[in-house]
Amino acid sequence: MPDQDPRTPGLSLTIQADPVSVRGALKRLLSSPPLSDLAGTDRGLAEVVLAEVLNNVAEHAYGGTGGRVEVRLMKEHGLLRCLVVDEGRPMPGGQMPTGRLPGGPDLALDDLPEGGFGWHLIRSLSMDLTYARVDGKNRLSFALVATGESLGTLSPHDRSSGFGSG
């Protein structure tokens, strides 16, 4: 089971950034609180976003060579706060990709490219998404809805990031 830090309500896990380790980590994360406590839809959305983020780290930050990735999850005020830290290459230009969908509105289904949808999904399904390069580490933080509440019922205070970029 992943290590739970008794000082903070949540979960912290360090994994290797390779496809097999990412799959195993997702399985462990989903079977442990706070993810195992989420309702089905919220849990499924968290799985999609975490899978996209962790696979991007493995493929792009480390370029398939592997490396360490720290994942911290904390549930508060109806949100699942997530922080992913790695020591791989920084994002191009020091910024997250735009998440623009590949192709155009007239592109036939059979002509859609295989990749390019990950950042669109991450940006569409999360909130409070921030990226910073701090002391040679990439820090990506975001929040996901963790209850049946609609986003409109959350106060601005509840939407602010609990992890920050420092």
C-alpha atoms as a PDB file:
ATOM      1  CA  MET A   1       0.000   0.000   0.000  1.00  0.00           C
ATOM      2  CA  PRO A   2       1.154   3.592  -0.567  1.00  0.00           C
ATOM      3  CA  ASP A   3       2.583   5.445   2.401  1.00  0.00           C
ATOM      4  CA  GLN A   4       0.180   7.745   4.196  1.00  0.00           C
ATOM      5  CA  ASP A   5       1.736  10.674   6.020  1.00  0.00           C
ATOM      6  CA  PRO A   6       0.046  10.805   9.443  1.00  0.00           C
ATOM      7  CA  ARG A   7       0.661  14.576   9.688  1.00  0.00           C
ATOM      8  CA  THR A   8      -1.537  15.427   6.702  1.00  0.00           C
ATOM      9  CA  PRO A   9      -4.844  13.953   5.575  1.00  0.00           C
ATOM     10  CA  GLY A  10      -4.007  12.413   2.259  1.00  0.00           C
ATOM     11  CA  LEU A  11      -1.653  10.152   0.450  1.00  0.00           C
ATOM     12  CA  SER A  12       1.929  10.460  -0.750  1.00  0.00           C
ATOM     13  CA  LEU A  13       3.531   7.979  -3.124  1.00  0.00           C
ATOM     14  CA  THR A  14       6.859   7.959  -4.958  1.00  0.00           C
ATOM     15  CA  ILE A  15       7.038   5.863  -8.118  1.00  0.00           C
ATOM     16  CA  GLN A  16       9.290   5.241 -11.086  1.00  0.00           C
ATOM     17  CA  ALA A  17       8.258   6.977 -14.305  1.00  0.00           C
ATOM     18  CA  ASP A  18       7.783   4.078 -16.682  1.00  0.00           C
ATOM     19  CA  PRO A  19       4.570   2.635 -18.150  1.00  0.00           C
ATOM     20  CA  VAL A  20       4.501  -0.505 -15.985  1.00  0.00           C
ATOM     21  CA  SER A  21       5.170   1.427 -12.761  1.00  0.00           C
ATOM     22  CA  VAL A  22       2.566   4.053 -13.673  1.00  0.00           C
ATOM     23  CA  ARG A  23      -0.078   1.338 -14.189  1.00  0.00           C
ATOM     24  CA  GLY A  24       0.815  -0.265 -10.860  1.00  0.00           C
ATOM     25  CA  ALA A  25       0.795   3.084  -9.067  1.00  0.00           C
ATOM     26  CA  LEU A  26      -2.625   3.984 -10.465  1.00  0.00           C
ATOM     27  CA  LYS A  27      -3.994   0.669  -9.233  1.00  0.00           C
ATOM     28  CA  ARG A  28      -2.547   1.277  -5.740  1.00  0.00           C
ATOM     29  CA  LEU A  29      -3.721   4.896  -5.666  1.00  0.00           C
ATOM     30  CA  LEU A  30      -7.259   3.962  -6.701  1.00  0.00           C
ATOM     31  CA  SER A  31      -7.488   1.305  -3.992  1.00  0.00           C
ATOM     32  CA  SER A  32      -6.365   3.678  -1.207  1.00  0.00           C
ATOM     33  CA  PRO A  33      -7.993   6.712   0.399  1.00  0.00           C
ATOM     34  CA  PRO A  34      -8.623   9.400  -0.650  1.00  0.00           C
ATOM     35  CA  LEU A  35      -9.271   7.977  -4.153  1.00  0.00           C
ATOM     36  CA  SER A  36     -11.004   4.818  -2.930  1.00  0.00           C
ATOM     37  CA  ASP A  37     -13.447   7.029  -1.008  1.00  0.00           C
ATOM     38  CA  LEU A  38     -14.619   8.928  -4.103  1.00  0.00           C
ATOM     39  CA  ALA A  39     -17.922   8.339  -5.840  1.00  0.00           C
ATOM     40  CA  GLY A  40     -17.664   6.296  -9.057  1.00  0.00           C
ATOM     41  CA  THR A  41     -17.742   9.170 -11.568  1.00  0.00           C
ATOM     42  CA  ASP A  42     -15.332  11.350  -9.594  1.00  0.00           C
ATOM     43  CA  ARG A  43     -12.997   8.376  -9.113  1.00  0.00           C
ATOM     44  CA  GLY A  44     -13.058   7.633 -12.855  1.00  0.00           C
ATOM     45  CA  LEU A  45     -12.265  11.243 -13.756  1.00  0.00           C
ATOM     46  CA  ALA A  46      -9.409  11.289 -11.222  1.00  0.00           C
ATOM     47  CA  GLU A  47      -8.035   8.100 -12.789  1.00  0.00           C
ATOM     48  CA  VAL A  48      -8.109   9.605 -16.300  1.00  0.00           C
ATOM     49  CA  VAL A  49      -6.354  12.824 -15.260  1.00  0.00           C
ATOM     50  CA  LEU A  50      -3.732  11.092 -13.097  1.00  0.00           C
ATOM     51  CA  ALA A  51      -3.030   8.553 -15.852  1.00  0.00           C
ATOM     52  CA  GLU A  52      -2.533  11.337 -18.413  1.00  0.00           C
ATOM     53  CA  VAL A  53      -0.290  13.356 -16.100  1.00  0.00           C
ATOM     54  CA  LEU A  54       1.872  10.405 -14.995  1.00  0.00           C
ATOM     55  CA  ASN A  55       2.219   9.015 -18.507  1.00  0.00           C
ATOM     56  CA  ASN A  56       3.216  12.481 -19.760  1.00  0.00           C
ATOM     57  CA  VAL A  57       5.918  12.659 -17.095  1.00  0.00           C
ATOM     58  CA  ALA A  58       7.247   9.221 -18.077  1.00  0.00           C
ATOM     59  CA  GLU A  59       7.154   9.899 -21.815  1.00  0.00           C
ATOM     60  CA  HIS A  60       8.100  13.566 -22.037  1.00  0.00           C
ATOM     61  CA  ALA A  61       9.806  14.760 -18.835  1.00  0.00           C
ATOM     62  CA  TYR A  62      11.994  11.670 -18.602  1.00  0.00           C
ATOM     63  CA  GLY A  63      11.888  10.771 -22.295  1.00  0.00           C
ATOM     64  CA  GLY A  64      11.255   7.105 -21.541  1.00  0.00           C
ATOM     65  CA  THR A  65      14.459   6.762 -19.493  1.00  0.00           C
ATOM     66  CA  GLY A  66      12.653   6.561 -16.146  1.00  0.00           C
ATOM     67  CA  GLY A  67      13.031   8.612 -13.011  1.00  0.00           C
ATOM     68  CA  ARG A  68      11.250   9.356  -9.768  1.00  0.00           C
ATOM     69  CA  VAL A  69       7.811  10.931  -9.529  1.00  0.00           C
ATOM     70  CA  GLU A  70       6.137  11.985  -6.311  1.00  0.00           C
ATOM     71  CA  VAL A  71       2.342  12.055  -6.187  1.00  0.00           C
ATOM     72  CA  ARG A  72       0.498  13.717  -3.305  1.00  0.00           C
ATOM     73  CA  LEU A  73      -3.273  13.599  -2.955  1.00  0.00           C
ATOM     74  CA  MET A  74      -5.389  15.355  -0.370  1.00  0.00           C
ATOM     75  CA  LYS A  75      -9.163  15.637  -0.123  1.00  0.00           C
ATOM     76  CA  GLU A  76     -10.555  18.888   1.274  1.00  0.00           C
ATOM     77  CA  HIS A  77     -13.712  20.964   0.878  1.00  0.00           C
ATOM     78  CA  GLY A  78     -15.187  18.704  -1.796  1.00  0.00           C
ATOM     79  CA  LEU A  79     -12.016  18.709  -3.884  1.00  0.00           C
ATOM     80  CA  LEU A  80      -9.195  16.270  -4.467  1.00  0.00           C
ATOM     81  CA  ARG A  81      -5.988  18.311  -4.494  1.00  0.00           C
ATOM     82  CA  CYS A  82      -3.159  16.726  -6.472  1.00  0.00           C
ATOM     83  CA  LEU A  83       0.531  17.537  -6.682  1.00  0.00           C
ATOM     84  CA  VAL A  84       2.914  15.733  -9.038  1.00  0.00           C
ATOM     85  CA  VAL A  85       6.651  16.444  -8.691  1.00  0.00           C
ATOM     86  CA  ASP A  86       9.424  15.117 -10.937  1.00  0.00           C
ATOM     87  CA  GLU A  87      13.040  15.926 -11.779  1.00  0.00           C
ATOM     88  CA  GLY A  88      12.692  15.422 -15.529  1.00  0.00           C
ATOM     89  CA  ARG A  89      13.058  17.977 -18.295  1.00  0.00           C
ATOM     90  CA  PRO A  90      11.053  21.194 -17.870  1.00  0.00           C
ATOM     91  CA  MET A  91       7.989  21.776 -20.002  1.00  0.00           C
ATOM     92  CA  PRO A  92       8.810  23.513 -23.297  1.00  0.00           C
ATOM     93  CA  GLY A  93       9.020  27.249 -22.764  1.00  0.00           C
ATOM     94  CA  GLY A  94       8.402  26.719 -19.050  1.00  0.00           C
ATOM     95  CA  GLN A  95       4.666  26.442 -19.676  1.00  0.00           C
ATOM     96  CA  MET A  96       2.017  23.734 -19.867  1.00  0.00           C
ATOM     97  CA  PRO A  97       0.781  22.831 -23.354  1.00  0.00           C
ATOM     98  CA  THR A  98      -2.359  24.690 -24.412  1.00  0.00           C
ATOM     99  CA  GLY A  99      -4.504  21.589 -24.630  1.00  0.00           C
ATOM    100  CA  ARG A 100      -5.813  22.510 -28.046  1.00  0.00           C
ATOM    101  CA  LEU A 101      -7.386  19.515 -29.750  1.00  0.00           C
ATOM    102  CA  PRO A 102      -5.445  18.169 -32.747  1.00  0.00           C
ATOM    103  CA  GLY A 103      -6.972  18.514 -36.185  1.00  0.00           C
ATOM    104  CA  GLY A 104      -9.923  20.719 -37.002  1.00  0.00           C
ATOM    105  CA  PRO A 105     -13.711  20.594 -37.064  1.00  0.00           C
ATOM    106  CA  ASP A 106     -13.737  19.140 -40.578  1.00  0.00           C
ATOM    107  CA  LEU A 107     -11.293  16.316 -39.818  1.00  0.00           C
ATOM    108  CA  ALA A 108     -12.828  12.881 -40.428  1.00  0.00           C
ATOM    109  CA  LEU A 109     -12.885  10.446 -37.503  1.00  0.00           C
ATOM    110  CA  ASP A 110     -10.564   8.062 -39.368  1.00  0.00           C
ATOM    111  CA  ASP A 111      -8.027  10.870 -39.861  1.00  0.00           C
ATOM    112  CA  LEU A 112      -7.702  11.824 -36.176  1.00  0.00           C
ATOM    113  CA  PRO A 113      -4.120  11.537 -34.896  1.00  0.00           C
ATOM    114  CA  GLU A 114      -3.261   8.987 -32.217  1.00  0.00           C
ATOM    115  CA  GLY A 115      -1.919  11.486 -29.673  1.00  0.00           C
ATOM    116  CA  GLY A 116      -2.475  15.062 -28.626  1.00  0.00           C
ATOM    117  CA  PHE A 117      -5.591  14.664 -26.502  1.00  0.00           C
ATOM    118  CA  GLY A 118      -3.971  14.340 -23.059  1.00  0.00           C
ATOM    119  CA  TRP A 119      -3.546  18.013 -22.188  1.00  0.00           C
ATOM    120  CA  HIS A 120      -7.031  18.756 -23.480  1.00  0.00           C
ATOM    121  CA  LEU A 121      -8.410  16.151 -21.060  1.00  0.00           C
ATOM    122  CA  ILE A 122      -6.261  17.378 -18.170  1.00  0.00           C
ATOM    123  CA  ARG A 123      -7.318  20.997 -18.708  1.00  0.00           C
ATOM    124  CA  SER A 124     -10.990  20.095 -19.270  1.00  0.00           C
ATOM    125  CA  LEU A 125     -11.376  17.868 -16.207  1.00  0.00           C
ATOM    126  CA  SER A 126      -9.313  19.747 -13.625  1.00  0.00           C
ATOM    127  CA  MET A 127      -9.239  23.183 -12.023  1.00  0.00           C
ATOM    128  CA  ASP A 128      -6.561  25.302 -10.328  1.00  0.00           C
ATOM    129  CA  LEU A 129      -4.040  23.821 -12.758  1.00  0.00           C
ATOM    130  CA  THR A 130      -0.586  25.293 -12.188  1.00  0.00           C
ATOM    131  CA  TYR A 131       2.925  24.426 -13.292  1.00  0.00           C
ATOM    132  CA  ALA A 132       6.220  25.690 -11.955  1.00  0.00           C
ATOM    133  CA  ARG A 133       9.844  24.681 -12.233  1.00  0.00           C
ATOM    134  CA  VAL A 134      11.322  25.024  -8.730  1.00  0.00           C
ATOM    135  CA  ASP A 135      14.840  23.971  -7.720  1.00  0.00           C
ATOM    136  CA  GLY A 136      15.233  21.718 -10.773  1.00  0.00           C
ATOM    137  CA  LYS A 137      11.855  20.027 -10.232  1.00  0.00           C
ATOM    138  CA  ASN A 138       8.614  20.190 -12.171  1.00  0.00           C
ATOM    139  CA  ARG A 139       5.628  20.859  -9.903  1.00  0.00           C
ATOM    140  CA  LEU A 140       2.182  20.331 -11.410  1.00  0.00           C
ATOM    141  CA  SER A 141      -0.768  20.927  -9.113  1.00  0.00           C
ATOM    142  CA  PHE A 142      -4.460  20.694  -9.827  1.00  0.00           C
ATOM    143  CA  ALA A 143      -7.781  19.983  -8.189  1.00  0.00           C
ATOM    144  CA  LEU A 144     -10.614  17.669  -9.137  1.00  0.00           C
ATOM    145  CA  VAL A 145     -14.192  17.554  -7.895  1.00  0.00           C
ATOM    146  CA  ALA A 146     -14.341  14.897  -5.187  1.00  0.00           C
ATOM    147  CA  THR A 147     -18.035  14.843  -4.269  1.00  0.00           C
ATOM    148  CA  GLY A 148     -21.364  15.103  -6.045  1.00  0.00           C
ATOM    149  CA  GLU A 149     -21.252  18.898  -5.639  1.00  0.00           C
ATOM    150  CA  SER A 150     -21.404  21.051  -8.732  1.00  0.00           C
ATOM    151  CA  LEU A 151     -18.558  23.520  -9.170  1.00  0.00           C
ATOM    152  CA  GLY A 152     -21.034  26.361  -8.766  1.00  0.00           C
ATOM    153  CA  THR A 153     -21.585  25.453  -5.103  1.00  0.00           C
ATOM    154  CA  LEU A 154     -17.907  25.773  -4.191  1.00  0.00           C
ATOM    155  CA  SER A 155     -16.708  29.096  -2.851  1.00  0.00           C
ATOM    156  CA  PRO A 156     -13.633  30.780  -4.380  1.00  0.00           C
ATOM    157  CA  HIS A 157     -11.740  29.879  -1.187  1.00  0.00           C
ATOM    158  CA  ASP A 158     -12.507  26.190  -1.761  1.00  0.00           C
ATOM    159  CA  ARG A 159     -11.147  26.426  -5.324  1.00  0.00           C
ATOM    160  CA  SER A 160      -7.760  27.903  -4.394  1.00  0.00           C
ATOM    161  CA  SER A 161      -4.846  25.494  -4.505  1.00  0.00           C
ATOM    162  CA  GLY A 162      -3.760  23.903  -1.236  1.00  0.00           C
ATOM    163  CA  PHE A 163      -0.302  22.977  -2.545  1.00  0.00           C
ATOM    164  CA  GLY A 164       0.977  26.117  -4.258  1.00  0.00           C
ATOM    165  CA  SER A 165       4.002  26.094  -6.520  1.00  0.00           C
ATOM    166  CA  GLY A 166       6.796  26.678  -4.009  1.00  0.00           C
END
